[in-house]
Amino acid sequence: MKKLILTFSLVLFLSCTSNNDNTPKDYRAENDKEIQDYITANNLNAQSSTSGLYYVLNEQGTGTQPTFTDNVTVAYKGYFTNGTVFDESDASGISFNLQQVIAGWTEGITYFKEGGSGILLIPSHLAYGSFGNGSIPGGAVLIFDINLISVD
């Protein structure tokens, strides 16, 4: 009986001290290094915001500049820093409200004007965090080639 109680106590103690898989991890430092390494390797002229988002304006555009609450139409290609594409629109793009997408898009799209194009380099805390979503793993840096077709 004593062995059973000792075993049960040991198991209970170990289960209470084990790391909880539901605890989010902060990838900010790792993501920032990964993004900076990508920028250097690809010779990009990127700017950073206070949130940790990096962006490249290849073409500023000449039309309307969206705000955080606007509806927009964007053509895009999303990929990881290793070049693996995880999502892509067709040339006509997709339409959405900037409040209904990841924070990196909500912020990043507002740096362009209609007709503008460039790249968003989004750390995980502005995307899908430490848990990921579908085929996007937790802690992943997301890169998007962006073409802002219109502010609707």
Protein backbone atom coordinates (compact mmCIF):
# COMPACT_ATOMS: atom_id res chain seq x y z
CA MET A 1 0.00 0.00 0.00
CA LYS A 2 2.85 2.38 0.84
CA LYS A 3 4.42 1.72 -2.57
CA LEU A 4 1.12 2.49 -4.28
CA ILE A 5 0.71 5.78 -2.40
CA LEU A 6 4.36 6.69 -3.08
CA THR A 7 3.97 5.90 -6.80
CA PHE A 8 0.72 7.86 -7.00
CA SER A 9 2.31 10.83 -5.19
CA LEU A 10 5.32 10.77 -7.52
CA VAL A 11 3.11 10.68 -10.62
CA LEU A 12 0.96 13.51 -9.26
CA PHE A 13 4.06 15.60 -8.47
CA LEU A 14 5.57 15.06 -11.91
CA SER A 15 2.33 15.87 -13.70
CA CYS A 16 2.02 19.13 -11.78
CA THR A 17 5.56 20.21 -12.63
CA SER A 18 5.50 19.27 -16.32
CA ASN A 19 5.48 22.06 -18.90
CA ASN A 20 1.99 22.88 -20.12
CA ASP A 21 1.79 22.62 -23.94
CA ASN A 22 -0.87 25.37 -23.93
CA THR A 23 1.55 28.01 -22.67
CA PRO A 24 2.33 30.44 -25.48
CA LYS A 25 5.98 31.03 -26.36
CA ASP A 26 7.32 34.46 -27.23
CA TYR A 27 9.14 34.14 -30.57
CA ARG A 28 9.85 37.88 -30.99
CA ALA A 29 13.65 37.70 -30.67
CA GLU A 30 13.92 34.57 -32.85
CA ASN A 31 11.53 36.01 -35.46
CA ASP A 32 13.37 39.33 -35.58
CA LYS A 33 16.69 37.57 -36.23
CA GLU A 34 15.08 35.34 -38.87
CA ILE A 35 13.58 38.38 -40.62
CA GLN A 36 16.82 40.37 -40.48
CA ASP A 37 18.77 37.38 -41.86
CA TYR A 38 16.21 37.06 -44.69
CA ILE A 39 16.46 40.79 -45.47
CA THR A 40 20.27 40.57 -45.62
CA ALA A 41 20.31 37.37 -47.70
CA ASN A 42 17.85 38.84 -50.22
CA ASN A 43 19.37 42.34 -50.25
CA LEU A 44 16.06 43.99 -49.37
CA ASN A 45 15.62 47.62 -48.42
CA ALA A 46 13.15 47.02 -45.58
CA GLN A 47 11.75 49.34 -42.98
CA SER A 48 10.50 48.27 -39.58
CA SER A 49 7.64 49.50 -37.47
CA THR A 50 7.44 49.67 -33.69
CA SER A 51 5.24 46.55 -33.69
CA GLY A 52 8.02 44.39 -35.20
CA LEU A 53 6.58 44.32 -38.72
CA TYR A 54 9.05 44.79 -41.58
CA TYR A 55 7.94 46.02 -44.98
CA VAL A 56 9.39 46.82 -48.39
CA LEU A 57 7.71 49.34 -50.66
CA ASN A 58 8.63 48.35 -54.21
CA GLU A 59 5.99 50.71 -55.60
CA GLN A 60 4.21 53.16 -53.27
CA GLY A 61 1.18 53.47 -55.55
CA THR A 62 -0.68 56.64 -56.45
CA GLY A 63 -4.27 56.02 -55.39
CA THR A 64 -6.03 56.07 -52.05
CA GLN A 65 -4.11 54.95 -48.96
CA PRO A 66 -6.25 52.67 -46.79
CA THR A 67 -6.87 53.06 -43.08
CA PHE A 68 -7.12 50.24 -40.54
CA THR A 69 -10.90 49.97 -41.05
CA ASP A 70 -11.13 49.99 -44.85
CA ASN A 71 -12.17 47.27 -47.26
CA VAL A 72 -9.42 46.46 -49.76
CA THR A 73 -8.69 44.15 -52.67
CA VAL A 74 -5.22 42.61 -52.61
CA ALA A 75 -3.37 40.12 -54.80
CA TYR A 76 -0.74 38.25 -52.76
CA LYS A 77 1.58 35.32 -52.37
CA GLY A 78 2.40 34.05 -48.88
CA TYR A 79 5.51 32.03 -48.11
CA PHE A 80 7.97 31.15 -45.36
CA THR A 81 11.56 32.37 -45.18
CA ASN A 82 12.67 29.08 -46.80
CA GLY A 83 10.60 29.97 -49.89
CA THR A 84 7.81 27.42 -49.35
CA VAL A 85 4.51 28.94 -50.54
CA PHE A 86 1.56 28.34 -48.21
CA ASP A 87 -1.10 30.50 -49.89
CA GLU A 88 -1.62 32.60 -53.01
CA SER A 89 -4.44 34.55 -54.62
CA ASP A 90 -5.04 34.85 -58.33
CA ALA A 91 -4.16 38.10 -60.12
CA SER A 92 -7.62 39.57 -59.45
CA GLY A 93 -6.96 39.31 -55.70
CA ILE A 94 -9.29 38.91 -52.77
CA SER A 95 -11.40 41.51 -50.99
CA PHE A 96 -11.66 41.85 -47.22
CA ASN A 97 -11.92 44.33 -44.38
CA LEU A 98 -8.58 45.13 -42.74
CA GLN A 99 -10.09 44.42 -39.31
CA GLN A 100 -10.77 40.79 -40.30
CA VAL A 101 -7.21 39.65 -41.05
CA ILE A 102 -4.01 39.05 -39.12
CA ALA A 103 -2.53 42.10 -37.39
CA GLY A 104 0.46 42.13 -39.74
CA TRP A 105 -1.87 42.69 -42.70
CA THR A 106 -4.04 45.22 -40.86
CA GLU A 107 -0.97 47.33 -40.20
CA GLY A 108 1.10 46.50 -43.28
CA ILE A 109 -1.47 47.13 -46.00
CA THR A 110 -1.86 50.71 -44.73
CA TYR A 111 1.70 51.52 -45.85
CA PHE A 112 0.66 51.15 -49.51
CA LYS A 113 -1.55 53.23 -51.75
CA GLU A 114 -3.77 51.79 -54.51
CA GLY A 115 -1.53 50.38 -57.21
CA GLY A 116 1.29 49.87 -54.72
CA SER A 117 3.28 46.70 -54.29
CA GLY A 118 5.89 45.33 -51.97
CA ILE A 119 6.64 42.80 -49.29
CA LEU A 120 5.40 42.30 -45.73
CA LEU A 121 7.67 40.33 -43.37
CA ILE A 122 5.43 39.41 -40.46
CA PRO A 123 6.64 37.98 -37.14
CA SER A 124 4.45 35.35 -35.52
CA HIS A 125 3.04 37.66 -32.82
CA LEU A 126 1.40 39.66 -35.65
CA ALA A 127 0.21 36.51 -37.43
CA TYR A 128 -0.76 33.17 -35.87
CA GLY A 129 1.31 33.31 -32.68
CA SER A 130 2.99 30.39 -31.02
CA PHE A 131 0.27 27.87 -31.87
CA GLY A 132 -0.03 28.37 -35.65
CA ASN A 133 -3.03 27.75 -37.85
CA GLY A 134 -3.55 24.87 -40.29
CA SER A 135 -0.40 24.41 -42.37
CA ILE A 136 1.29 27.38 -40.67
CA PRO A 137 3.32 26.18 -37.67
CA GLY A 138 3.52 28.06 -34.40
CA GLY A 139 6.20 30.74 -34.29
CA ALA A 140 6.40 31.02 -38.08
CA VAL A 141 7.54 34.19 -39.82
CA LEU A 142 5.23 34.90 -42.77
CA ILE A 143 6.29 36.76 -45.90
CA PHE A 144 3.78 38.20 -48.34
CA ASP A 145 4.30 39.70 -51.77
CA ILE A 146 1.53 42.31 -51.89
CA ASN A 147 -0.21 44.19 -54.67
CA LEU A 148 -2.86 46.60 -53.37
CA ILE A 149 -5.37 46.62 -56.20
CA SER A 150 -8.00 48.89 -54.65
CA VAL A 151 -9.41 50.49 -51.54
CA ASP A 152 -13.11 49.65 -51.81
